[in-house]
């Protein structure tokens, strides 16, 4: 699924600020993964889009998942999205350890 250009621009600007050490106003903690995992939320033409990222690492920001919120269970995020974020966080930890730690 492709994100709308406006959403890509909004997320890109916010993530650029994150890379410079800022916390965007629209960032909020992502529940379930603990400190250092946040989400950006962007509403566009009646749809909600999310970008989940981590700032747990001193030298890198990892975007774990971008998706359109389409949960059949109402307000809850689909379990498949939650599982994907969890798995990608593990991969980010492995990547960081292999490429940024001495």
Protein backbone atom coordinates (compact mmCIF):
# COMPACT_ATOMS: atom_id res chain seq x y z
CA UNK A 1 0.00 0.00 0.00
CA UNK A 2 1.36 3.38 -0.97
CA UNK A 3 0.97 6.27 1.44
CA UNK A 4 -0.47 9.52 0.04
CA UNK A 5 2.21 12.06 -0.90
CA UNK A 6 1.01 14.50 1.77
CA UNK A 7 1.39 11.83 4.46
CA UNK A 8 4.87 10.91 3.21
CA UNK A 9 5.85 14.59 3.38
CA UNK A 10 4.45 15.00 6.90
CA UNK A 11 6.16 11.85 8.18
CA UNK A 12 9.40 12.77 6.40
CA UNK A 13 9.49 16.22 7.95
CA UNK A 14 8.75 14.84 11.42
CA UNK A 15 11.35 12.08 11.11
CA UNK A 16 13.91 14.62 9.93
CA UNK A 17 13.29 16.54 13.15
CA UNK A 18 13.70 13.30 15.12
CA UNK A 19 17.10 12.75 13.49
CA UNK A 20 18.12 16.21 14.69
CA UNK A 21 17.15 15.34 18.28
CA UNK A 22 13.69 16.93 18.40
CA UNK A 23 10.43 15.30 19.38
CA UNK A 24 7.63 16.25 16.97
CA UNK A 25 4.42 17.53 18.55
CA UNK A 26 2.44 14.70 16.96
CA UNK A 27 4.73 11.97 18.39
CA UNK A 28 3.33 9.82 21.15
CA UNK A 29 4.51 6.65 22.88
CA UNK A 30 3.72 3.38 21.12
CA UNK A 31 2.14 1.10 23.69
CA UNK A 32 3.61 -2.33 24.21
CA UNK A 33 7.31 -1.89 23.41
CA UNK A 34 8.41 0.35 26.26
CA UNK A 35 10.43 3.54 26.24
CA UNK A 36 11.95 4.83 23.03
CA UNK A 37 9.31 3.50 20.62
CA UNK A 38 6.98 6.20 19.34
CA UNK A 39 4.36 6.73 16.70
CA UNK A 40 3.40 9.56 14.41
CA UNK A 41 -0.26 9.83 13.44
CA UNK A 42 -1.51 11.66 10.36
CA UNK A 43 -5.15 11.98 9.36
CA UNK A 44 -5.70 12.44 5.64
CA UNK A 45 -9.06 12.57 3.86
CA UNK A 46 -10.82 10.54 6.51
CA UNK A 47 -8.09 7.91 6.83
CA UNK A 48 -5.54 7.53 9.62
CA UNK A 49 -1.91 6.68 8.89
CA UNK A 50 0.78 5.77 11.39
CA UNK A 51 4.55 5.61 11.38
CA UNK A 52 6.17 3.74 14.27
CA UNK A 53 9.84 4.38 14.97
CA UNK A 54 12.44 3.92 17.66
CA UNK A 55 14.93 6.35 19.18
CA UNK A 56 16.50 3.78 21.51
CA UNK A 57 19.85 4.00 19.75
CA UNK A 58 22.33 6.86 20.03
CA UNK A 59 23.42 6.87 16.37
CA UNK A 60 20.28 5.86 14.48
CA UNK A 61 16.54 6.28 14.14
CA UNK A 62 14.76 3.20 12.82
CA UNK A 63 11.33 3.40 11.22
CA UNK A 64 9.71 0.11 12.14
CA UNK A 65 6.44 0.31 10.21
CA UNK A 66 4.19 2.73 8.31
CA UNK A 67 0.60 1.74 7.77
CA UNK A 68 -2.99 2.81 7.32
CA UNK A 69 -5.09 2.16 10.39
CA UNK A 70 -7.72 -0.34 9.26
CA UNK A 71 -8.43 -2.54 12.24
CA UNK A 72 -11.58 -4.66 12.06
CA UNK A 73 -11.68 -4.43 15.85
CA UNK A 74 -12.43 -0.71 15.95
CA UNK A 75 -9.93 1.43 17.84
CA UNK A 76 -7.37 -1.36 18.32
CA UNK A 77 -4.41 -1.79 16.01
CA UNK A 78 -4.45 -5.05 14.04
CA UNK A 79 -2.41 -7.80 15.68
CA UNK A 80 -0.50 -8.36 12.44
CA UNK A 81 0.77 -4.74 12.60
CA UNK A 82 1.72 -5.13 16.27
CA UNK A 83 3.60 -8.36 15.54
CA UNK A 84 5.43 -6.78 12.61
CA UNK A 85 6.55 -3.82 14.73
CA UNK A 86 7.78 -6.16 17.46
CA UNK A 87 9.76 -8.26 14.97
CA UNK A 88 11.26 -5.22 13.25
CA UNK A 89 12.34 -3.78 16.60
CA UNK A 90 14.31 -6.98 17.22
CA UNK A 91 15.87 -6.67 13.76
CA UNK A 92 16.75 -3.02 14.43
CA UNK A 93 18.51 -4.02 17.65
CA UNK A 94 20.51 -6.66 15.79
CA UNK A 95 21.37 -4.26 12.97
CA UNK A 96 22.46 -1.52 15.36
CA UNK A 97 24.64 -3.90 17.34
CA UNK A 98 26.29 -5.21 14.16
CA UNK A 99 26.86 -1.84 12.50
CA UNK A 100 27.16 0.83 15.21
CA UNK A 101 28.60 -0.78 18.33
CA UNK A 102 32.29 -1.54 18.65
